[in-house]
Amino acid sequence: MYYNVEIEFIPGKKATLTIFDDNKMTEKIILSDIETELEMHTLMKEKGFQKKSKEAIYKLTEQREAADIEAENIRIRKQNEADVKKKARRNELHSRGHREKEL
């Protein structure tokens, strides 16, 4: 929602805003103490962060959704390929079993 802000989710850690200036950490703020969205936006504005336009947020959301869809399609393709290989292997083993019985 803001320019020059990166989010990294770390399970088990409190949400913290770490502010850097020229690659040097200048401040850390515990975000879990903030109770409302308005307080969060006020903090970001006070710290000098510029909110993205609705158009920029919409475009970013579209890009993320497209990336999520592509990742899901890749996962499905890989799963389908694995399923085809398993089925072929089962058929091969089944065919071998019948050939061995014929001998």
PDB file of N, CA and C in Angstrom:
ATOM      1  N   MET A   1       0.798  -1.201   0.000  1.00  0.00           N
ATOM      2  CA  MET A   1       0.000   0.000   0.000  1.00  0.00           C
ATOM      3  C   MET A   1       0.844   1.269   0.000  1.00  0.00           C
ATOM      4  N   TYR A   2       2.134   1.108   0.357  1.00  0.00           N
ATOM      5  CA  TYR A   2       3.025   2.263   0.429  1.00  0.00           C
ATOM      6  C   TYR A   2       4.255   2.017  -0.432  1.00  0.00           C
ATOM      7  N   TYR A   3       4.768   3.092  -1.010  1.00  0.00           N
ATOM      8  CA  TYR A   3       5.996   2.997  -1.788  1.00  0.00           C
ATOM      9  C   TYR A   3       7.179   2.754  -0.849  1.00  0.00           C
ATOM     10  N   ASN A   4       8.154   2.004  -1.354  1.00  0.00           N
ATOM     11  CA  ASN A   4       9.398   1.717  -0.628  1.00  0.00           C
ATOM     12  C   ASN A   4       9.176   0.980   0.686  1.00  0.00           C
ATOM     13  N   VAL A   5       8.141   0.165   0.726  1.00  0.00           N
ATOM     14  CA  VAL A   5       7.868  -0.652   1.905  1.00  0.00           C
ATOM     15  C   VAL A   5       7.831  -2.102   1.449  1.00  0.00           C
ATOM     16  N   GLU A   6       8.633  -2.924   2.074  1.00  0.00           N
ATOM     17  CA  GLU A   6       8.644  -4.357   1.803  1.00  0.00           C
ATOM     18  C   GLU A   6       8.126  -5.075   3.031  1.00  0.00           C
ATOM     19  N   ILE A   7       7.363  -6.131   2.807  1.00  0.00           N
ATOM     20  CA  ILE A   7       6.798  -6.894   3.916  1.00  0.00           C
ATOM     21  C   ILE A   7       7.399  -8.287   3.908  1.00  0.00           C
ATOM     22  N   GLU A   8       7.852  -8.714   5.064  1.00  0.00           N
ATOM     23  CA  GLU A   8       8.370 -10.067   5.239  1.00  0.00           C
ATOM     24  C   GLU A   8       7.660 -10.659   6.449  1.00  0.00           C
ATOM     25  N   PHE A   9       6.918 -11.727   6.214  1.00  0.00           N
ATOM     26  CA  PHE A   9       6.190 -12.381   7.297  1.00  0.00           C
ATOM     27  C   PHE A   9       7.098 -13.421   7.939  1.00  0.00           C
ATOM     28  N   ILE A  10       7.281 -13.310   9.249  1.00  0.00           N
ATOM     29  CA  ILE A  10       8.127 -14.245   9.982  1.00  0.00           C
ATOM     30  C   ILE A  10       7.271 -14.878  11.081  1.00  0.00           C
ATOM     31  N   PRO A  11       6.899 -16.154  10.895  1.00  0.00           N
ATOM     32  CA  PRO A  11       6.054 -16.826  11.893  1.00  0.00           C
ATOM     33  C   PRO A  11       6.690 -16.783  13.285  1.00  0.00           C
ATOM     34  N   GLY A  12       5.861 -16.506  14.292  1.00  0.00           N
ATOM     35  CA  GLY A  12       6.330 -16.504  15.671  1.00  0.00           C
ATOM     36  C   GLY A  12       6.965 -15.193  16.113  1.00  0.00           C
ATOM     37  N   LYS A  13       7.074 -14.241  15.222  1.00  0.00           N
ATOM     38  CA  LYS A  13       7.677 -12.939  15.560  1.00  0.00           C
ATOM     39  C   LYS A  13       6.591 -11.867  15.563  1.00  0.00           C
ATOM     40  N   LYS A  14       6.763 -10.866  16.432  1.00  0.00           N
ATOM     41  CA  LYS A  14       5.849  -9.733  16.448  1.00  0.00           C
ATOM     42  C   LYS A  14       6.036  -8.922  15.170  1.00  0.00           C
ATOM     43  N   ALA A  15       4.933  -8.371  14.683  1.00  0.00           N
ATOM     44  CA  ALA A  15       5.001  -7.509  13.505  1.00  0.00           C
ATOM     45  C   ALA A  15       5.782  -6.251  13.868  1.00  0.00           C
ATOM     46  N   THR A  16       6.833  -6.001  13.105  1.00  0.00           N
ATOM     47  CA  THR A  16       7.714  -4.876  13.397  1.00  0.00           C
ATOM     48  C   THR A  16       7.982  -4.094  12.124  1.00  0.00           C
ATOM     49  N   LEU A  17       7.900  -2.773  12.224  1.00  0.00           N
ATOM     50  CA  LEU A  17       8.291  -1.897  11.129  1.00  0.00           C
ATOM     51  C   LEU A  17       9.729  -1.470  11.396  1.00  0.00           C
ATOM     52  N   THR A  18      10.625  -1.836  10.484  1.00  0.00           N
ATOM     53  CA  THR A  18      12.029  -1.453  10.614  1.00  0.00           C
ATOM     54  C   THR A  18      12.311  -0.423   9.531  1.00  0.00           C
ATOM     55  N   ILE A  19      12.754   0.741   9.949  1.00  0.00           N
ATOM     56  CA  ILE A  19      12.993   1.835   9.015  1.00  0.00           C
ATOM     57  C   ILE A  19      14.499   1.980   8.787  1.00  0.00           C
ATOM     58  N   PHE A  20      14.846   2.068   7.494  1.00  0.00           N
ATOM     59  CA  PHE A  20      16.245   2.216   7.094  1.00  0.00           C
ATOM     60  C   PHE A  20      16.437   3.544   6.382  1.00  0.00           C
ATOM     61  N   ASP A  21      17.615   4.112   6.547  1.00  0.00           N
ATOM     62  CA  ASP A  21      18.013   5.297   5.797  1.00  0.00           C
ATOM     63  C   ASP A  21      19.435   5.049   5.322  1.00  0.00           C
ATOM     64  N   ASP A  22      19.636   5.070   4.012  1.00  0.00           N
ATOM     65  CA  ASP A  22      20.940   4.746   3.419  1.00  0.00           C
ATOM     66  C   ASP A  22      21.458   3.398   3.909  1.00  0.00           C
ATOM     67  N   ASN A  23      20.584   2.402   3.891  1.00  0.00           N
ATOM     68  CA  ASN A  23      20.889   1.025   4.300  1.00  0.00           C
ATOM     69  C   ASN A  23      21.275   0.883   5.768  1.00  0.00           C
ATOM     70  N   LYS A  24      21.004   1.895   6.579  1.00  0.00           N
ATOM     71  CA  LYS A  24      21.257   1.812   8.016  1.00  0.00           C
ATOM     72  C   LYS A  24      19.923   1.834   8.741  1.00  0.00           C
ATOM     73  N   MET A  25      19.737   0.886   9.674  1.00  0.00           N
ATOM     74  CA  MET A  25      18.512   0.859  10.442  1.00  0.00           C
ATOM     75  C   MET A  25      18.463   2.087  11.346  1.00  0.00           C
ATOM     76  N   THR A  26      17.355   2.806  11.270  1.00  0.00           N
ATOM     77  CA  THR A  26      17.227   4.019  12.083  1.00  0.00           C
ATOM     78  C   THR A  26      16.167   3.880  13.172  1.00  0.00           C
ATOM     79  N   GLU A  27      15.218   2.947  12.962  1.00  0.00           N
ATOM     80  CA  GLU A  27      14.118   2.850  13.929  1.00  0.00           C
ATOM     81  C   GLU A  27      13.387   1.519  13.776  1.00  0.00           C
ATOM     82  N   LYS A  28      12.896   1.002  14.919  1.00  0.00           N
ATOM     83  CA  LYS A  28      12.038  -0.191  14.921  1.00  0.00           C
ATOM     84  C   LYS A  28      10.778   0.149  15.697  1.00  0.00           C
ATOM     85  N   ILE A  29       9.632  -0.197  15.109  1.00  0.00           N
ATOM     86  CA  ILE A  29       8.346   0.078  15.749  1.00  0.00           C
ATOM     87  C   ILE A  29       7.555  -1.227  15.792  1.00  0.00           C
ATOM     88  N   ILE A  30       7.085  -1.596  16.974  1.00  0.00           N
ATOM     89  CA  ILE A  30       6.254  -2.796  17.127  1.00  0.00           C
ATOM     90  C   ILE A  30       4.853  -2.465  16.629  1.00  0.00           C
ATOM     91  N   LEU A  31       4.425  -3.138  15.585  1.00  0.00           N
ATOM     92  CA  LEU A  31       3.134  -2.820  14.972  1.00  0.00           C
ATOM     93  C   LEU A  31       1.954  -3.471  15.686  1.00  0.00           C
ATOM     94  N   SER A  32       2.217  -4.503  16.468  1.00  0.00           N
ATOM     95  CA  SER A  32       1.109  -5.180  17.157  1.00  0.00           C
ATOM     96  C   SER A  32       0.468  -4.272  18.206  1.00  0.00           C
ATOM     97  N   ASP A  33       1.134  -3.178  18.570  1.00  0.00           N
ATOM     98  CA  ASP A  33       0.566  -2.219  19.519  1.00  0.00           C
ATOM     99  C   ASP A  33      -0.458  -1.299  18.851  1.00  0.00           C
ATOM    100  N   ILE A  34      -0.463  -1.268  17.526  1.00  0.00           N
ATOM    101  CA  ILE A  34      -1.378  -0.393  16.790  1.00  0.00           C
ATOM    102  C   ILE A  34      -2.725  -1.098  16.669  1.00  0.00           C
ATOM    103  N   GLU A  35      -3.782  -0.410  17.063  1.00  0.00           N
ATOM    104  CA  GLU A  35      -5.094  -1.045  17.172  1.00  0.00           C
ATOM    105  C   GLU A  35      -5.998  -0.862  15.954  1.00  0.00           C
ATOM    106  N   THR A  36      -5.824   0.222  15.201  1.00  0.00           N
ATOM    107  CA  THR A  36      -6.747   0.475  14.088  1.00  0.00           C
ATOM    108  C   THR A  36      -5.981   0.742  12.797  1.00  0.00           C
ATOM    109  N   GLU A  37      -6.690   0.592  11.702  1.00  0.00           N
ATOM    110  CA  GLU A  37      -6.126   0.874  10.387  1.00  0.00           C
ATOM    111  C   GLU A  37      -5.776   2.359  10.278  1.00  0.00           C
ATOM    112  N   LEU A  38      -6.614   3.209  10.846  1.00  0.00           N
ATOM    113  CA  LEU A  38      -6.353   4.645  10.813  1.00  0.00           C
ATOM    114  C   LEU A  38      -5.050   4.978  11.536  1.00  0.00           C
ATOM    115  N   GLU A  39      -4.815   4.348  12.680  1.00  0.00           N
ATOM    116  CA  GLU A  39      -3.557   4.565  13.411  1.00  0.00           C
ATOM    117  C   GLU A  39      -2.357   4.123  12.574  1.00  0.00           C
ATOM    118  N   MET A  40      -2.520   3.013  11.855  1.00  0.00           N
ATOM    119  CA  MET A  40      -1.430   2.512  11.006  1.00  0.00           C
ATOM    120  C   MET A  40      -1.129   3.503   9.884  1.00  0.00           C
ATOM    121  N   HIS A  41      -2.172   3.994   9.219  1.00  0.00           N
ATOM    122  CA  HIS A  41      -1.963   4.956   8.130  1.00  0.00           C
ATOM    123  C   HIS A  41      -1.364   6.258   8.653  1.00  0.00           C
ATOM    124  N   THR A  42      -1.798   6.678   9.834  1.00  0.00           N
ATOM    125  CA  THR A  42      -1.246   7.897  10.445  1.00  0.00           C
ATOM    126  C   THR A  42       0.244   7.718  10.730  1.00  0.00           C
ATOM    127  N   LEU A  43       0.609   6.563  11.283  1.00  0.00           N
ATOM    128  CA  LEU A  43       2.017   6.276  11.561  1.00  0.00           C
ATOM    129  C   LEU A  43       2.839   6.315  10.282  1.00  0.00           C
ATOM    130  N   MET A  44       2.346   5.661   9.253  1.00  0.00           N
ATOM    131  CA  MET A  44       3.093   5.606   7.991  1.00  0.00           C
ATOM    132  C   MET A  44       3.283   7.011   7.419  1.00  0.00           C
ATOM    133  N   LYS A  45       2.241   7.818   7.506  1.00  0.00           N
ATOM    134  CA  LYS A  45       2.340   9.198   7.005  1.00  0.00           C
ATOM    135  C   LYS A  45       3.346   9.996   7.833  1.00  0.00           C
ATOM    136  N   GLU A  46       3.288   9.833   9.161  1.00  0.00           N
ATOM    137  CA  GLU A  46       4.235  10.543  10.041  1.00  0.00           C
ATOM    138  C   GLU A  46       5.684  10.165   9.739  1.00  0.00           C
ATOM    139  N   LYS A  47       5.896   8.919   9.333  1.00  0.00           N
ATOM    140  CA  LYS A  47       7.253   8.448   9.045  1.00  0.00           C
ATOM    141  C   LYS A  47       7.701   8.801   7.635  1.00  0.00           C
ATOM    142  N   GLY A  48       6.821   9.452   6.879  1.00  0.00           N
ATOM    143  CA  GLY A  48       7.201   9.941   5.556  1.00  0.00           C
ATOM    144  C   GLY A  48       6.923   8.989   4.404  1.00  0.00           C
ATOM    145  N   PHE A  49       6.179   7.923   4.648  1.00  0.00           N
ATOM    146  CA  PHE A  49       5.869   6.990   3.568  1.00  0.00           C
ATOM    147  C   PHE A  49       4.684   7.502   2.757  1.00  0.00           C
ATOM    148  N   GLN A  50       4.780   7.341   1.455  1.00  0.00           N
ATOM    149  CA  GLN A  50       3.731   7.802   0.554  1.00  0.00           C
ATOM    150  C   GLN A  50       2.833   6.632   0.172  1.00  0.00           C
ATOM    151  N   LYS A  51       1.545   6.821   0.366  1.00  0.00           N
ATOM    152  CA  LYS A  51       0.569   5.778   0.037  1.00  0.00           C
ATOM    153  C   LYS A  51       0.438   5.669  -1.485  1.00  0.00           C
ATOM    154  N   LYS A  52       0.339   4.441  -1.960  1.00  0.00           N
ATOM    155  CA  LYS A  52       0.160   4.207  -3.393  1.00  0.00           C
ATOM    156  C   LYS A  52      -1.249   4.601  -3.803  1.00  0.00           C
ATOM    157  N   SER A  53      -1.387   4.958  -5.063  1.00  0.00           N
ATOM    158  CA  SER A  53      -2.707   5.299  -5.589  1.00  0.00           C
ATOM    159  C   SER A  53      -3.548   4.029  -5.697  1.00  0.00           C
ATOM    160  N   LYS A  54      -4.854   4.214  -5.780  1.00  0.00           N
ATOM    161  CA  LYS A  54      -5.755   3.063  -5.942  1.00  0.00           C
ATOM    162  C   LYS A  54      -5.410   2.291  -7.208  1.00  0.00           C
ATOM    163  N   GLU A  55      -5.030   3.014  -8.260  1.00  0.00           N
ATOM    164  CA  GLU A  55      -4.664   2.364  -9.525  1.00  0.00           C
ATOM    165  C   GLU A  55      -3.415   1.496  -9.358  1.00  0.00           C
ATOM    166  N   ALA A  56      -2.420   2.014  -8.639  1.00  0.00           N
ATOM    167  CA  ALA A  56      -1.175   1.258  -8.416  1.00  0.00           C
ATOM    168  C   ALA A  56      -1.452   0.020  -7.569  1.00  0.00           C
ATOM    169  N   ILE A  57      -2.298   0.162  -6.555  1.00  0.00           N
ATOM    170  CA  ILE A  57      -2.651  -0.980  -5.706  1.00  0.00           C
ATOM    171  C   ILE A  57      -3.406  -2.018  -6.517  1.00  0.00           C
ATOM    172  N   TYR A  58      -4.336  -1.570  -7.357  1.00  0.00           N
ATOM    173  CA  TYR A  58      -5.119  -2.476  -8.201  1.00  0.00           C
ATOM    174  C   TYR A  58      -4.195  -3.236  -9.154  1.00  0.00           C
ATOM    175  N   LYS A  59      -3.253  -2.523  -9.767  1.00  0.00           N
ATOM    176  CA  LYS A  59      -2.322  -3.161 -10.705  1.00  0.00           C
ATOM    177  C   LYS A  59      -1.462  -4.206  -9.991  1.00  0.00           C
ATOM    178  N   LEU A  60      -0.965  -3.850  -8.808  1.00  0.00           N
ATOM    179  CA  LEU A  60      -0.157  -4.781  -8.029  1.00  0.00           C
ATOM    180  C   LEU A  60      -0.973  -6.015  -7.643  1.00  0.00           C
ATOM    181  N   THR A  61      -2.220  -5.800  -7.255  1.00  0.00           N
ATOM    182  CA  THR A  61      -3.109  -6.910  -6.895  1.00  0.00           C
ATOM    183  C   THR A  61      -3.324  -7.827  -8.098  1.00  0.00           C
ATOM    184  N   GLU A  62      -3.549  -7.240  -9.262  1.00  0.00           N
ATOM    185  CA  GLU A  62      -3.716  -8.040 -10.483  1.00  0.00           C
ATOM    186  C   GLU A  62      -2.466  -8.870 -10.773  1.00  0.00           C
ATOM    187  N   GLN A  63      -1.295  -8.253 -10.627  1.00  0.00           N
ATOM    188  CA  GLN A  63      -0.041  -8.959 -10.886  1.00  0.00           C
ATOM    189  C   GLN A  63       0.142 -10.119  -9.911  1.00  0.00           C
ATOM    190  N   ARG A  64      -0.166  -9.885  -8.642  1.00  0.00           N
ATOM    191  CA  ARG A  64      -0.036 -10.956  -7.643  1.00  0.00           C
ATOM    192  C   ARG A  64      -1.009 -12.085  -7.928  1.00  0.00           C
ATOM    193  N   GLU A  65      -2.240 -11.738  -8.290  1.00  0.00           N
ATOM    194  CA  GLU A  65      -3.229 -12.774  -8.605  1.00  0.00           C
ATOM    195  C   GLU A  65      -2.791 -13.590  -9.817  1.00  0.00           C
ATOM    196  N   ALA A  66      -2.258 -12.916 -10.839  1.00  0.00           N
ATOM    197  CA  ALA A  66      -1.778 -13.624 -12.030  1.00  0.00           C
ATOM    198  C   ALA A  66      -0.619 -14.548 -11.666  1.00  0.00           C
ATOM    199  N   ALA A  67       0.280 -14.089 -10.806  1.00  0.00           N
ATOM    200  CA  ALA A  67       1.400 -14.925 -10.369  1.00  0.00           C
ATOM    201  C   ALA A  67       0.904 -16.115  -9.559  1.00  0.00           C
ATOM    202  N   ASP A  68      -0.090 -15.897  -8.709  1.00  0.00           N
ATOM    203  CA  ASP A  68      -0.669 -16.995  -7.924  1.00  0.00           C
ATOM    204  C   ASP A  68      -1.329 -18.029  -8.829  1.00  0.00           C
ATOM    205  N   ILE A  69      -2.041 -17.554  -9.847  1.00  0.00           N
ATOM    206  CA  ILE A  69      -2.698 -18.467 -10.791  1.00  0.00           C
ATOM    207  C   ILE A  69      -1.654 -19.270 -11.549  1.00  0.00           C
ATOM    208  N   GLU A  70      -0.595 -18.615 -12.002  1.00  0.00           N
ATOM    209  CA  GLU A  70       0.475 -19.313 -12.730  1.00  0.00           C
ATOM    210  C   GLU A  70       1.150 -20.352 -11.843  1.00  0.00           C
ATOM    211  N   ALA A  71       1.407 -19.995 -10.587  1.00  0.00           N
ATOM    212  CA  ALA A  71       2.026 -20.948  -9.657  1.00  0.00           C
ATOM    213  C   ALA A  71       1.107 -22.149  -9.440  1.00  0.00           C
ATOM    214  N   GLU A  72      -0.177 -21.908  -9.330  1.00  0.00           N
ATOM    215  CA  GLU A  72      -1.138 -23.011  -9.156  1.00  0.00           C
ATOM    216  C   GLU A  72      -1.194 -23.873 -10.412  1.00  0.00           C
ATOM    217  N   ASN A  73      -1.156 -23.258 -11.579  1.00  0.00           N
ATOM    218  CA  ASN A  73      -1.146 -24.026 -12.834  1.00  0.00           C
ATOM    219  C   ASN A  73       0.099 -24.905 -12.936  1.00  0.00           C
ATOM    220  N   ILE A  74       1.235 -24.373 -12.541  1.00  0.00           N
ATOM    221  CA  ILE A  74       2.479 -25.155 -12.548  1.00  0.00           C
ATOM    222  C   ILE A  74       2.362 -26.333 -11.586  1.00  0.00           C
ATOM    223  N   ARG A  75       1.830 -26.075 -10.389  1.00  0.00           N
ATOM    224  CA  ARG A  75       1.647 -27.145  -9.401  1.00  0.00           C
ATOM    225  C   ARG A  75       0.733 -28.241  -9.952  1.00  0.00           C
ATOM    226  N   ILE A  76      -0.356 -27.843 -10.606  1.00  0.00           N
ATOM    227  CA  ILE A  76      -1.307 -28.812 -11.172  1.00  0.00           C
ATOM    228  C   ILE A  76      -0.643 -29.609 -12.287  1.00  0.00           C
ATOM    229  N   ARG A  77       0.107 -28.922 -13.166  1.00  0.00           N
ATOM    230  CA  ARG A  77       0.802 -29.631 -14.259  1.00  0.00           C
ATOM    231  C   ARG A  77       1.772 -30.664 -13.709  1.00  0.00           C
ATOM    232  N   LYS A  78       2.543 -30.280 -12.695  1.00  0.00           N
ATOM    233  CA  LYS A  78       3.505 -31.215 -12.097  1.00  0.00           C
ATOM    234  C   LYS A  78       2.780 -32.397 -11.462  1.00  0.00           C
ATOM    235  N   GLN A  79       1.667 -32.128 -10.788  1.00  0.00           N
ATOM    236  CA  GLN A  79       0.897 -33.207 -10.173  1.00  0.00           C
ATOM    237  C   GLN A  79       0.341 -34.136 -11.244  1.00  0.00           C
ATOM    238  N   ASN A  80      -0.166 -33.571 -12.329  1.00  0.00           N
ATOM    239  CA  ASN A  80      -0.693 -34.394 -13.430  1.00  0.00           C
ATOM    240  C   ASN A  80       0.403 -35.252 -14.051  1.00  0.00           C
ATOM    241  N   GLU A  81       1.584 -34.672 -14.239  1.00  0.00           N
ATOM    242  CA  GLU A  81       2.711 -35.432 -14.787  1.00  0.00           C
ATOM    243  C   GLU A  81       3.080 -36.585 -13.860  1.00  0.00           C
ATOM    244  N   ALA A  82       3.097 -36.320 -12.573  1.00  0.00           N
ATOM    245  CA  ALA A  82       3.413 -37.370 -11.600  1.00  0.00           C
ATOM    246  C   ALA A  82       2.346 -38.460 -11.627  1.00  0.00           C
ATOM    247  N   ASP A  83       1.084 -38.061 -11.739  1.00  0.00           N
ATOM    248  CA  ASP A  83      -0.006 -39.039 -11.796  1.00  0.00           C
ATOM    249  C   ASP A  83       0.096 -39.919 -13.036  1.00  0.00           C
ATOM    250  N   VAL A  84       0.439 -39.309 -14.174  1.00  0.00           N
ATOM    251  CA  VAL A  84       0.597 -40.072 -15.423  1.00  0.00           C
ATOM    252  C   VAL A  84       1.734 -41.078 -15.279  1.00  0.00           C
ATOM    253  N   LYS A  85       2.845 -40.654 -14.687  1.00  0.00           N
ATOM    254  CA  LYS A  85       3.979 -41.564 -14.490  1.00  0.00           C
ATOM    255  C   LYS A  85       3.601 -42.717 -13.566  1.00  0.00           C
ATOM    256  N   LYS A  86       2.867 -42.418 -12.492  1.00  0.00           N
ATOM    257  CA  LYS A  86       2.427 -43.478 -11.569  1.00  0.00           C
ATOM    258  C   LYS A  86       1.522 -44.469 -12.275  1.00  0.00           C
ATOM    259  N   LYS A  87       0.593 -43.950 -13.072  1.00  0.00           N
ATOM    260  CA  LYS A  87      -0.339 -44.823 -13.784  1.00  0.00           C
ATOM    261  C   LYS A  87       0.411 -45.701 -14.789  1.00  0.00           C
ATOM    262  N   ALA A  88       1.359 -45.109 -15.500  1.00  0.00           N
ATOM    263  CA  ALA A  88       2.153 -45.877 -16.469  1.00  0.00           C
ATOM    264  C   ALA A  88       2.943 -46.966 -15.758  1.00  0.00           C
ATOM    265  N   ARG A  89       3.509 -46.625 -14.617  1.00  0.00           N
ATOM    266  CA  ARG A  89       4.282 -47.614 -13.841  1.00  0.00           C
ATOM    267  C   ARG A  89       3.373 -48.739 -13.354  1.00  0.00           C
ATOM    268  N   ARG A  90       2.175 -48.394 -12.864  1.00  0.00           N
ATOM    269  CA  ARG A  90       1.228 -49.432 -12.424  1.00  0.00           C
ATOM    270  C   ARG A  90       0.833 -50.342 -13.582  1.00  0.00           C
ATOM    271  N   ASN A  91       0.577 -49.711 -14.743  1.00  0.00           N
ATOM    272  CA  ASN A  91       0.210 -50.510 -15.925  1.00  0.00           C
ATOM    273  C   ASN A  91       1.350 -51.436 -16.339  1.00  0.00           C
ATOM    274  N   GLU A  92       2.573 -50.921 -16.271  1.00  0.00           N
ATOM    275  CA  GLU A  92       3.739 -51.723 -16.619  1.00  0.00           C
ATOM    276  C   GLU A  92       3.874 -52.917 -15.667  1.00  0.00           C
ATOM    277  N   LEU A  93       3.737 -52.669 -14.387  1.00  0.00           N
ATOM    278  CA  LEU A  93       3.832 -53.747 -13.405  1.00  0.00           C
ATOM    279  C   LEU A  93       2.698 -54.746 -13.578  1.00  0.00           C
ATOM    280  N   HIS A  94       1.508 -54.235 -13.868  1.00  0.00           N
ATOM    281  CA  HIS A  94       0.349 -55.101 -14.089  1.00  0.00           C
ATOM    282  C   HIS A  94       0.574 -55.996 -15.313  1.00  0.00           C
ATOM    283  N   SER A  95       1.095 -55.389 -16.395  1.00  0.00           N
ATOM    284  CA  SER A  95       1.383 -56.158 -17.614  1.00  0.00           C
ATOM    285  C   SER A  95       2.442 -57.218 -17.365  1.00  0.00           C
ATOM    286  N   ARG A  96       3.470 -56.881 -16.611  1.00  0.00           N
ATOM    287  CA  ARG A  96       4.516 -57.849 -16.277  1.00  0.00           C
ATOM    288  C   ARG A  96       3.937 -59.029 -15.509  1.00  0.00           C
ATOM    289  N   GLY A  97       3.048 -58.701 -14.581  1.00  0.00           N
ATOM    290  CA  GLY A  97       2.428 -59.754 -13.785  1.00  0.00           C
ATOM    291  C   GLY A  97       1.669 -60.734 -14.660  1.00  0.00           C
ATOM    292  N   HIS A  98       0.941 -60.228 -15.632  1.00  0.00           N
ATOM    293  CA  HIS A  98       0.182 -61.106 -16.538  1.00  0.00           C
ATOM    294  C   HIS A  98       1.118 -61.917 -17.427  1.00  0.00           C
ATOM    295  N   ARG A  99       2.203 -61.305 -17.896  1.00  0.00           N
ATOM    296  CA  ARG A  99       3.156 -62.042 -18.734  1.00  0.00           C
ATOM    297  C   ARG A  99       3.813 -63.160 -17.946  1.00  0.00           C
ATOM    298  N   GLU A 100       4.178 -62.862 -16.686  1.00  0.00           N
ATOM    299  CA  GLU A 100       4.829 -63.880 -15.859  1.00  0.00           C
ATOM    300  C   GLU A 100       3.873 -65.045 -15.588  1.00  0.00           C
ATOM    301  N   LYS A 101       2.589 -64.770 -15.437  1.00  0.00           N
ATOM    302  CA  LYS A 101       1.605 -65.832 -15.195  1.00  0.00           C
ATOM    303  C   LYS A 101       1.467 -66.705 -16.431  1.00  0.00           C
ATOM    304  N   GLU A 102       1.596 -66.098 -17.617  1.00  0.00           N
ATOM    305  CA  GLU A 102       1.476 -66.857 -18.860  1.00  0.00           C
ATOM    306  C   GLU A 102       2.646 -67.816 -19.050  1.00  0.00           C
ATOM    307  N   LEU A 103       3.780 -67.473 -18.465  1.00  0.00           N
ATOM    308  CA  LEU A 103       4.963 -68.336 -18.626  1.00  0.00           C
ATOM    309  C   LEU A 103       4.822 -69.477 -17.695  1.00  0.00           C
TER     310      LEU A 103
END
